[in-house]
Amino acid sequence: MGIIPNIIFVALLGTALFFAFKNFNKIRRNILLGKREDRTDNPATRLKNMLLVAFGQKIMFDRPIPALLHLFVYLGFLIVNIEMLEITIDGIFGTHRIFAQPLGGFYTFVVNFFEYFGVTVIISCIIFLVRRNVLKLFRFNHNDLNDWPSKDANIILYVEIALMTAFLTMNAADTVLQTKGNEHYFKTGEFFFSGLITPLFSGLETGTLIFVERAAWWVHITGVLIFLNYLPFSKHLHIMLAFPNTYFADLKPKGEINNMPEVTKEVNLMLNLPVAETAVPEEAPGKFGAKDVNDLSWKNLLDAYTCTECGRCTSECPANITGKKLSPRRIMMMTRDRAQEVGDNIDKNGTLTDDGKSLHTYISQEELLACTSCQACVEVCPVNINPLDIIIQMRRYKVMEESNAPASWNGMFSNIETSLAPWKFPPSDRFNWSEKV
């Protein structure tokens, strides 16, 4: 078919991979803006966690229907795009279905397997579109998702439908061409699902069929390469980051909150409790809590970039359910956006310069104070994200650095300091209530 298409394909592939590498490298740089944190312990446990949560989607199945649909899309997209290996080889060397003849009947079986998942992707994406835009489920129509986030979700669903439709169209046109005696389109066996639409093409002339088959081929490969470069700007980045995020997830029980060693030491001294040598920091902290993204850990920022924006955290948050402003999903989205903003600042100026903003510019004190630290958001996240850790660190900054806490909190802090309890009575009276029972 000529060398020009091969040259165009190689140029397209090279350009797409170059920009994808550049954009993913920026995301890596932005994540590493966070403070160092060692997450290399217990590799066997971490691997098991990743296999169960990321690959097996264990937490997703707390809600079986969307979990099953998501599984079809997830597996379908991964499995169908295994064929990208053949498409890439064909595109570079000008071959056609290079694995068909060597693999014979097994090739027919594999492509039929791919087509089955391609159809399940189309059906699942249509159902997802209906859930978002017709049924208007609350967690998909929350004000967190106004404007771009909502459009982003729909765009991806439409793209996935288009990619799978192009894949089936390519196979259907190819099947008809095999009956025309063109040596380039040799027999591959019957493909069931694309075979259902071959009657649409059976009356077309050979030249038209070749155009349809090639057009579908180009739409599929170009769509996949565009999708690859779209990922860094989309919530669907979780397709890639879910695996490292679940691997590096916190292995401690979800109800356990990370305390500051400096504060723990002072509390233990106040209560006349022994202070473990390992718990005493070598140097005083430069700052309590988190003012901006560089005060968070790299894992907090990886959490933010991994967020699927599914809204399960917000739908389970008791503060949000009772009408408070807090939305754990929004916390993660704003953290990610601020990390991106800081990264853009570095790209523009060569180094980080003060822009007069911080993470607190985007997340209000009202949101931070509404959190009850119940861990509901952490429990339900399908990819082990921890919004609470970010909330607590930001709240610590407000209270400990800015002395900006509600009067009722300050009263409680004073009582704890003087009476060792939240209530204003001496420790000797702490158990008087039992005499009245």
Protein backbone atom coordinates (compact mmCIF):
# COMPACT_ATOMS: atom_id res chain seq x y z
CA MET A 1 0.00 0.00 0.00
CA GLY A 2 3.00 2.29 -0.28
CA ILE A 3 5.58 3.60 2.12
CA ILE A 4 3.91 6.97 2.79
CA PRO A 5 1.36 5.56 5.30
CA ASN A 6 4.25 3.86 7.15
CA ILE A 7 6.17 7.13 7.42
CA ILE A 8 3.05 8.96 8.61
CA PHE A 9 2.40 6.25 11.20
CA VAL A 10 5.96 6.28 12.55
CA ALA A 11 5.86 10.10 12.79
CA LEU A 12 2.50 9.97 14.57
CA LEU A 13 3.67 7.28 16.97
CA GLY A 14 6.93 9.06 17.76
CA THR A 15 5.21 12.41 18.33
CA ALA A 16 2.55 10.87 20.56
CA LEU A 17 5.09 9.00 22.69
CA PHE A 18 7.31 12.09 23.00
CA PHE A 19 4.53 14.31 24.32
CA ALA A 20 3.13 11.53 26.52
CA PHE A 21 6.56 11.04 28.14
CA LYS A 22 6.92 14.79 28.63
CA ASN A 23 3.51 15.17 30.28
CA PHE A 24 3.85 12.09 32.49
CA ASN A 25 7.28 13.27 33.58
CA LYS A 26 5.73 16.57 34.70
CA ILE A 27 3.22 14.68 36.80
CA ARG A 28 6.03 12.67 38.37
CA ARG A 29 7.86 15.93 39.15
CA ASN A 30 4.70 17.42 40.69
CA ILE A 31 4.15 14.38 42.89
CA LEU A 32 7.75 14.58 44.11
CA LEU A 33 7.14 18.16 45.22
CA GLY A 34 5.85 16.49 48.39
CA LYS A 35 8.03 15.59 51.34
CA ARG A 36 9.88 12.30 51.45
CA GLU A 37 8.16 9.37 53.09
CA ASP A 38 9.34 5.78 53.25
CA ARG A 39 6.75 3.35 51.88
CA THR A 40 9.05 0.43 51.03
CA ASP A 41 8.30 -1.78 54.05
CA ASN A 42 6.41 -5.10 53.83
CA PRO A 43 6.69 -5.54 50.04
CA ALA A 44 4.73 -8.83 50.06
CA THR A 45 1.79 -7.24 51.88
CA ARG A 46 1.89 -4.23 49.58
CA LEU A 47 1.92 -6.42 46.47
CA LYS A 48 -1.05 -8.39 47.79
CA ASN A 49 -2.90 -5.15 48.49
CA MET A 50 -2.25 -3.92 44.94
CA LEU A 51 -3.42 -7.20 43.39
CA LEU A 52 -6.63 -7.24 45.43
CA VAL A 53 -7.56 -3.56 45.20
CA ALA A 54 -6.16 -2.34 41.87
CA PHE A 55 -6.29 -5.52 39.77
CA GLY A 56 -9.11 -7.30 41.59
CA GLN A 57 -11.09 -4.11 42.36
CA LYS A 58 -12.02 -5.56 45.73
CA ILE A 59 -13.48 -2.39 47.23
CA MET A 60 -15.43 -1.55 44.08
CA PHE A 61 -17.64 -4.59 44.61
CA ASP A 62 -19.19 -3.06 47.70
CA ARG A 63 -21.54 -1.66 45.03
CA PRO A 64 -21.93 -4.63 42.64
CA ILE A 65 -23.70 -3.07 39.63
CA PRO A 66 -21.31 -0.16 38.92
CA ALA A 67 -18.42 -2.44 39.89
CA LEU A 68 -19.38 -5.01 37.26
CA LEU A 69 -19.81 -2.33 34.59
CA HIS A 70 -16.48 -0.76 35.54
CA LEU A 71 -14.82 -4.18 35.39
CA PHE A 72 -16.06 -4.68 31.82
CA VAL A 73 -14.72 -1.28 30.76
CA TYR A 74 -11.45 -1.78 32.61
CA LEU A 75 -10.78 -5.28 31.29
CA GLY A 76 -12.14 -4.49 27.85
CA PHE A 77 -9.96 -1.46 27.34
CA LEU A 78 -6.84 -3.29 28.55
CA ILE A 79 -7.49 -6.49 26.64
CA VAL A 80 -8.60 -4.94 23.35
CA ASN A 81 -5.57 -2.70 23.32
CA ILE A 82 -3.28 -5.71 23.49
CA GLU A 83 -4.01 -5.71 19.77
CA MET A 84 -2.09 -2.44 19.67
CA LEU A 85 1.04 -4.59 19.47
CA GLU A 86 -0.11 -6.01 16.12
CA ILE A 87 -1.39 -2.64 14.91
CA THR A 88 1.92 -0.97 15.77
CA ILE A 89 3.97 -3.62 13.95
CA ASP A 90 1.65 -3.42 10.93
CA GLY A 91 1.88 0.37 10.93
CA ILE A 92 5.68 0.45 11.08
CA PHE A 93 6.42 -2.29 8.55
CA GLY A 94 3.40 -2.03 6.27
CA THR A 95 2.19 -5.56 7.03
CA HIS A 96 -1.43 -6.60 7.58
CA ARG A 97 -2.51 -8.73 10.56
CA ILE A 98 1.04 -10.00 10.99
CA PHE A 99 0.06 -12.57 13.63
CA ALA A 100 -2.90 -14.03 11.72
CA GLN A 101 -1.17 -16.63 9.57
CA PRO A 102 1.41 -17.84 12.13
CA LEU A 103 -1.25 -18.28 14.83
CA GLY A 104 -4.02 -19.65 12.60
CA GLY A 105 -7.15 -20.70 14.50
CA PHE A 106 -5.80 -19.38 17.79
CA TYR A 107 -5.66 -15.90 16.23
CA THR A 108 -9.36 -16.18 15.34
CA PHE A 109 -10.16 -17.19 18.92
CA VAL A 110 -8.15 -14.30 20.38
CA VAL A 111 -9.75 -11.66 18.13
CA ASN A 112 -13.21 -13.05 18.99
CA PHE A 113 -12.24 -12.74 22.65
CA PHE A 114 -11.20 -9.12 22.03
CA GLU A 115 -14.46 -8.39 20.24
CA TYR A 116 -16.51 -9.76 23.12
CA PHE A 117 -14.85 -7.31 25.51
CA GLY A 118 -15.15 -4.53 22.93
CA VAL A 119 -18.92 -5.03 22.91
CA THR A 120 -19.08 -5.11 26.73
CA VAL A 121 -17.16 -1.81 26.79
CA ILE A 122 -19.68 -0.20 24.44
CA ILE A 123 -22.67 -1.45 26.45
CA SER A 124 -21.12 -0.45 29.79
CA CYS A 125 -20.18 3.03 28.55
CA ILE A 126 -23.72 3.61 27.29
CA ILE A 127 -25.10 2.61 30.70
CA PHE A 128 -22.60 4.94 32.42
CA LEU A 129 -23.70 7.80 30.15
CA VAL A 130 -27.33 7.13 31.06
CA ARG A 131 -26.49 7.07 34.78
CA ARG A 132 -24.68 10.39 34.52
CA ASN A 133 -26.85 12.32 32.09
CA VAL A 134 -30.33 10.80 32.20
CA LEU A 135 -30.74 9.32 35.68
CA LYS A 136 -28.45 12.08 37.01
CA LEU A 137 -27.18 10.19 40.05
CA PHE A 138 -26.39 12.68 42.79
CA ARG A 139 -22.70 11.84 43.19
CA PHE A 140 -22.17 12.49 39.47
CA ASN A 141 -24.07 15.77 39.52
CA HIS A 142 -22.65 17.27 42.70
CA ASN A 143 -21.33 20.82 42.40
CA ASP A 144 -17.78 19.39 42.73
CA LEU A 145 -18.11 18.29 39.12
CA ASN A 146 -19.39 21.50 37.56
CA ASP A 147 -17.99 22.37 34.13
CA TRP A 148 -14.79 20.52 33.12
CA PRO A 149 -14.87 17.48 35.48
CA SER A 150 -18.35 16.56 34.21
CA LYS A 151 -17.35 17.08 30.57
CA ASP A 152 -14.16 15.08 31.12
CA ALA A 153 -16.12 12.02 32.29
CA ASN A 154 -18.46 12.17 29.29
CA ILE A 155 -15.65 12.74 26.80
CA ILE A 156 -13.87 9.58 27.89
CA LEU A 157 -17.03 7.50 27.64
CA TYR A 158 -17.71 8.78 24.11
CA VAL A 159 -14.08 8.15 23.11
CA GLU A 160 -14.15 4.58 24.40
CA ILE A 161 -17.36 3.89 22.46
CA ALA A 162 -15.78 5.36 19.32
CA LEU A 163 -12.57 3.31 19.71
CA MET A 164 -14.44 0.03 20.15
CA THR A 165 -16.81 0.84 17.29
CA ALA A 166 -13.83 1.52 15.03
CA PHE A 167 -12.29 -1.80 16.09
CA LEU A 168 -15.46 -3.74 15.18
CA THR A 169 -15.90 -1.78 11.92
CA MET A 170 -12.31 -2.54 10.91
CA ASN A 171 -12.85 -6.26 11.48
CA ALA A 172 -16.19 -6.28 9.66
CA ALA A 173 -14.83 -4.51 6.57
CA ASP A 174 -11.75 -6.75 6.65
CA THR A 175 -13.95 -9.86 6.72
CA VAL A 176 -15.85 -8.74 3.60
CA LEU A 177 -12.58 -7.88 1.83
CA GLN A 178 -11.37 -11.43 2.48
CA THR A 179 -14.13 -12.65 0.14
CA LYS A 180 -13.06 -10.29 -2.67
CA GLY A 181 -9.90 -12.16 -3.56
CA ASN A 182 -7.51 -9.37 -2.48
CA GLU A 183 -4.27 -11.12 -1.44
CA HIS A 184 -3.57 -8.40 1.13
CA TYR A 185 -6.73 -9.45 3.02
CA PHE A 186 -6.20 -13.16 3.57
CA LYS A 187 -8.57 -15.52 5.41
CA THR A 188 -8.54 -15.18 9.18
CA GLY A 189 -11.62 -17.14 10.16
CA GLU A 190 -14.98 -15.74 11.29
CA PHE A 191 -15.33 -13.05 13.92
CA PHE A 192 -18.69 -13.35 15.66
CA PHE A 193 -19.54 -9.81 16.80
CA SER A 194 -18.13 -7.92 13.83
CA GLY A 195 -19.78 -10.61 11.70
CA LEU A 196 -23.15 -9.31 12.88
CA ILE A 197 -22.53 -6.01 11.06
CA THR A 198 -20.81 -7.35 7.93
CA PRO A 199 -24.13 -7.15 5.97
CA LEU A 200 -23.77 -3.36 6.20
CA PHE A 201 -20.63 -3.58 4.07
CA SER A 202 -21.29 -6.57 1.82
CA GLY A 203 -22.70 -4.47 -1.02
CA LEU A 204 -19.78 -2.01 -1.16
CA GLU A 205 -17.13 -1.99 -3.88
CA THR A 206 -13.60 -3.11 -3.08
CA GLY A 207 -12.15 0.42 -3.13
CA THR A 208 -14.82 1.67 -0.75
CA LEU A 209 -14.30 -1.29 1.57
CA ILE A 210 -10.56 -0.67 1.68
CA PHE A 211 -11.23 2.97 2.54
CA VAL A 212 -13.63 1.98 5.35
CA GLU A 213 -11.22 -0.64 6.75
CA ARG A 214 -8.22 1.72 6.62
CA ALA A 215 -10.22 4.63 8.03
CA ALA A 216 -11.36 2.50 10.99
CA TRP A 217 -7.76 1.31 11.49
CA TRP A 218 -6.47 4.89 11.57
CA VAL A 219 -9.30 6.06 13.85
CA HIS A 220 -8.52 3.28 16.32
CA ILE A 221 -4.75 3.81 16.48
CA THR A 222 -4.98 7.61 16.41
CA GLY A 223 -7.69 7.54 19.07
CA VAL A 224 -5.57 5.39 21.37
CA LEU A 225 -2.54 7.69 20.97
CA ILE A 226 -4.68 10.78 21.59
CA PHE A 227 -6.17 9.07 24.65
CA LEU A 228 -2.63 8.38 25.92
CA ASN A 229 -1.84 12.10 25.74
CA TYR A 230 -5.22 13.07 27.19
CA LEU A 231 -4.70 10.97 30.33
CA PRO A 232 -2.35 13.43 32.10
CA PHE A 233 -5.12 16.07 31.98
CA SER A 234 -7.96 13.76 32.94
CA LYS A 235 -9.32 11.99 36.00
CA HIS A 236 -8.75 8.79 34.04
CA LEU A 237 -5.09 9.02 34.96
CA HIS A 238 -6.12 6.56 37.67
CA ILE A 239 -5.97 3.84 35.00
CA MET A 240 -2.20 3.99 35.45
CA LEU A 241 -1.71 5.42 38.95
CA ALA A 242 -4.12 3.09 40.77
CA PHE A 243 -1.44 0.40 40.81
CA PRO A 244 1.39 2.34 42.50
CA ASN A 245 -1.12 4.13 44.75
CA THR A 246 -2.52 0.90 46.15
CA TYR A 247 0.97 -0.58 46.47
CA PHE A 248 2.17 2.39 48.53
CA ALA A 249 -1.06 2.70 50.53
CA ASP A 250 -0.89 2.98 54.32
CA LEU A 251 -0.83 -0.50 55.86
CA LYS A 252 -1.89 0.63 59.33
CA PRO A 253 -5.51 0.19 60.44
CA LYS A 254 -7.71 2.88 58.88
CA GLY A 255 -8.80 4.18 62.27
CA GLU A 256 -5.23 5.06 63.23
CA ILE A 257 -4.30 8.70 62.65
CA ASN A 258 -0.66 9.70 62.17
CA ASN A 259 0.41 11.74 65.17
CA MET A 260 3.23 14.26 65.14
CA PRO A 261 6.22 12.87 67.12
CA GLU A 262 7.03 16.36 68.44
CA VAL A 263 3.55 16.78 69.90
CA THR A 264 3.39 13.19 71.17
CA LYS A 265 6.61 13.77 73.10
CA GLU A 266 5.25 16.89 74.81
CA VAL A 267 1.96 15.19 75.70
CA ASN A 268 3.75 12.20 77.18
CA LEU A 269 5.97 14.49 79.25
CA MET A 270 2.90 16.40 80.46
CA LEU A 271 1.22 13.13 81.49
CA ASN A 272 4.41 11.80 83.09
CA LEU A 273 4.50 8.96 80.58
CA PRO A 274 7.75 7.44 79.29
CA VAL A 275 9.10 8.90 76.07
CA ALA A 276 10.50 6.40 73.60
CA GLU A 277 13.85 7.47 72.19
CA THR A 278 12.72 6.61 68.66
CA ALA A 279 9.75 8.92 69.04
CA VAL A 280 11.92 11.97 69.76
CA PRO A 281 12.74 13.88 66.55
CA GLU A 282 16.33 14.88 65.95
CA GLU A 283 15.35 18.41 64.95
CA ALA A 284 12.44 20.66 65.71
CA PRO A 285 9.92 20.84 62.85
CA GLY A 286 10.14 23.86 60.60
CA LYS A 287 6.37 23.99 60.33
CA PHE A 288 3.39 22.30 61.93
CA GLY A 289 0.86 20.89 59.49
CA ALA A 290 0.52 21.76 55.82
CA LYS A 291 0.18 25.20 54.27
CA ASP A 292 0.82 24.17 50.67
CA VAL A 293 1.37 21.04 48.62
CA ASN A 294 5.12 20.94 49.35
CA ASP A 295 4.24 20.48 53.04
CA LEU A 296 2.33 17.31 52.22
CA SER A 297 4.06 14.01 51.49
CA TRP A 298 4.61 12.65 47.99
CA LYS A 299 2.03 9.96 48.83
CA ASN A 300 -0.60 12.64 49.54
CA LEU A 301 0.06 14.11 46.09
CA LEU A 302 0.01 10.66 44.47
CA ASP A 303 -3.40 10.22 46.13
CA ALA A 304 -4.57 13.47 44.56
CA TYR A 305 -3.45 12.53 41.07
CA THR A 306 -4.96 9.04 41.45
CA CYS A 307 -8.42 10.32 42.43
CA THR A 308 -11.09 8.83 40.14
CA GLU A 309 -13.63 11.54 41.07
CA CYS A 310 -16.16 8.74 41.56
CA GLY A 311 -17.64 10.56 44.56
CA ARG A 312 -17.95 7.53 46.83
CA CYS A 313 -16.06 9.40 49.56
CA THR A 314 -18.40 12.39 49.38
CA SER A 315 -21.53 10.24 49.21
CA GLU A 316 -20.46 8.47 52.45
CA CYS A 317 -19.21 11.58 54.28
CA PRO A 318 -21.57 12.31 57.22
CA ALA A 319 -20.61 15.98 57.16
CA ASN A 320 -21.59 16.28 53.50
CA ILE A 321 -24.75 14.22 53.98
CA THR A 322 -25.92 16.62 56.69
CA GLY A 323 -25.41 19.64 54.45
CA LYS A 324 -21.90 20.75 55.45
CA LYS A 325 -19.62 22.24 52.81
CA LEU A 326 -17.01 19.50 53.15
CA SER A 327 -16.55 17.16 50.18
CA PRO A 328 -13.57 14.78 50.40
CA ARG A 329 -13.61 14.45 46.62
CA ARG A 330 -13.19 18.22 46.27
CA ILE A 331 -10.27 18.12 48.74
CA MET A 332 -8.44 15.71 46.43
CA MET A 333 -9.34 17.65 43.27
CA MET A 334 -8.14 20.95 44.73
CA THR A 335 -4.91 19.35 45.97
CA ARG A 336 -4.23 17.98 42.49
CA ASP A 337 -5.03 21.32 40.85
CA ARG A 338 -2.78 23.19 43.25
CA ALA A 339 0.08 20.73 42.64
CA GLN A 340 -0.38 21.31 38.91
CA GLU A 341 -0.39 25.08 39.47
CA VAL A 342 2.84 24.90 41.48
CA GLY A 343 4.41 22.75 38.75
CA ASP A 344 3.39 25.27 36.08
CA ASN A 345 4.92 28.00 38.25
CA ILE A 346 8.24 26.13 38.25
CA ASP A 347 8.08 25.58 34.47
CA LYS A 348 7.40 29.27 33.88
CA ASN A 349 9.99 30.75 36.24
CA GLY A 350 12.64 28.05 36.37
CA THR A 351 12.14 27.74 40.13
CA LEU A 352 9.24 28.02 42.54
CA THR A 353 8.31 31.66 43.13
CA ASP A 354 5.74 32.99 45.57
CA ASP A 355 2.42 33.45 43.81
CA GLY A 356 0.59 34.62 46.93
CA LYS A 357 -1.46 31.43 47.04
CA SER A 358 -1.46 28.20 48.99
CA LEU A 359 -3.59 25.11 49.35
CA HIS A 360 -5.69 27.06 51.85
CA THR A 361 -6.61 29.47 49.04
CA TYR A 362 -8.70 26.70 47.49
CA ILE A 363 -9.84 24.74 50.55
CA SER A 364 -11.69 26.79 53.15
CA GLN A 365 -11.48 26.53 56.91
CA GLU A 366 -15.20 25.77 56.94
CA GLU A 367 -14.52 22.58 54.97
CA LEU A 368 -11.62 21.56 57.21
CA LEU A 369 -13.53 22.10 60.45
CA ALA A 370 -16.55 20.15 59.21
CA CYS A 371 -14.56 16.91 59.10
CA THR A 372 -15.32 14.53 61.98
CA SER A 373 -12.26 12.32 61.25
CA CYS A 374 -14.60 9.32 61.00
CA GLN A 375 -12.55 7.71 58.19
CA ALA A 376 -15.65 6.94 56.08
CA CYS A 377 -14.01 8.48 53.01
CA VAL A 378 -10.87 6.40 53.51
CA GLU A 379 -12.85 3.20 54.00
CA VAL A 380 -14.84 3.43 50.75
CA CYS A 381 -12.20 4.70 48.32
CA PRO A 382 -11.73 2.06 45.59
CA VAL A 383 -8.04 2.95 45.13
CA ASN A 384 -6.93 3.48 48.77
CA ILE A 385 -6.87 7.30 48.73
CA ASN A 386 -6.74 9.06 52.11
CA PRO A 387 -8.41 12.51 51.99
CA LEU A 388 -8.47 12.64 55.79
CA ASP A 389 -4.68 12.80 56.07
CA ILE A 390 -4.62 15.98 53.98
CA ILE A 391 -7.50 17.50 55.97
CA ILE A 392 -5.77 16.80 59.28
CA GLN A 393 -2.45 18.28 58.13
CA MET A 394 -4.15 21.42 56.84
CA ARG A 395 -6.18 21.72 60.03
CA ARG A 396 -3.01 21.37 62.08
CA TYR A 397 -1.50 24.29 60.21
CA LYS A 398 -4.53 26.47 60.93
CA VAL A 399 -4.54 25.61 64.63
CA MET A 400 -0.84 25.31 65.43
CA GLU A 401 0.75 27.83 63.07
CA GLU A 402 -1.96 30.46 62.72
CA SER A 403 -3.68 29.89 66.10
CA ASN A 404 -6.85 29.98 64.04
CA ALA A 405 -9.26 27.63 65.79
CA PRO A 406 -12.88 28.08 66.93
CA ALA A 407 -13.31 29.41 70.48
CA SER A 408 -14.87 26.13 71.56
CA TRP A 409 -11.78 24.26 70.39
CA ASN A 410 -9.45 26.65 72.22
CA GLY A 411 -11.47 26.11 75.39
CA MET A 412 -11.15 22.35 74.98
CA PHE A 413 -7.39 22.64 74.36
CA SER A 414 -7.00 24.72 77.52
CA ASN A 415 -8.98 22.22 79.57
CA ILE A 416 -6.85 19.34 78.31
CA GLU A 417 -3.69 21.28 79.16
CA THR A 418 -4.78 22.22 82.67
CA SER A 419 -7.18 19.43 83.64
CA LEU A 420 -6.03 16.61 81.35
CA ALA A 421 -9.57 16.30 80.02
CA PRO A 422 -11.82 18.23 77.58
CA TRP A 423 -14.07 19.24 80.49
CA LYS A 424 -13.33 21.97 82.99
CA PHE A 425 -13.00 20.05 86.25
CA PRO A 426 -9.98 18.67 88.09
CA PRO A 427 -8.70 15.17 87.34
CA SER A 428 -9.69 14.07 90.85
CA ASP A 429 -13.35 14.57 89.94
CA ARG A 430 -13.14 12.69 86.65
CA PHE A 431 -15.02 9.59 87.89
CA ASN A 432 -17.62 11.35 90.05
CA TRP A 433 -20.23 10.58 87.42
CA SER A 434 -20.08 6.90 88.40
CA GLU A 435 -21.48 7.68 91.88
CA LYS A 436 -24.68 8.96 90.31
CA VAL A 437 -25.33 5.87 88.20
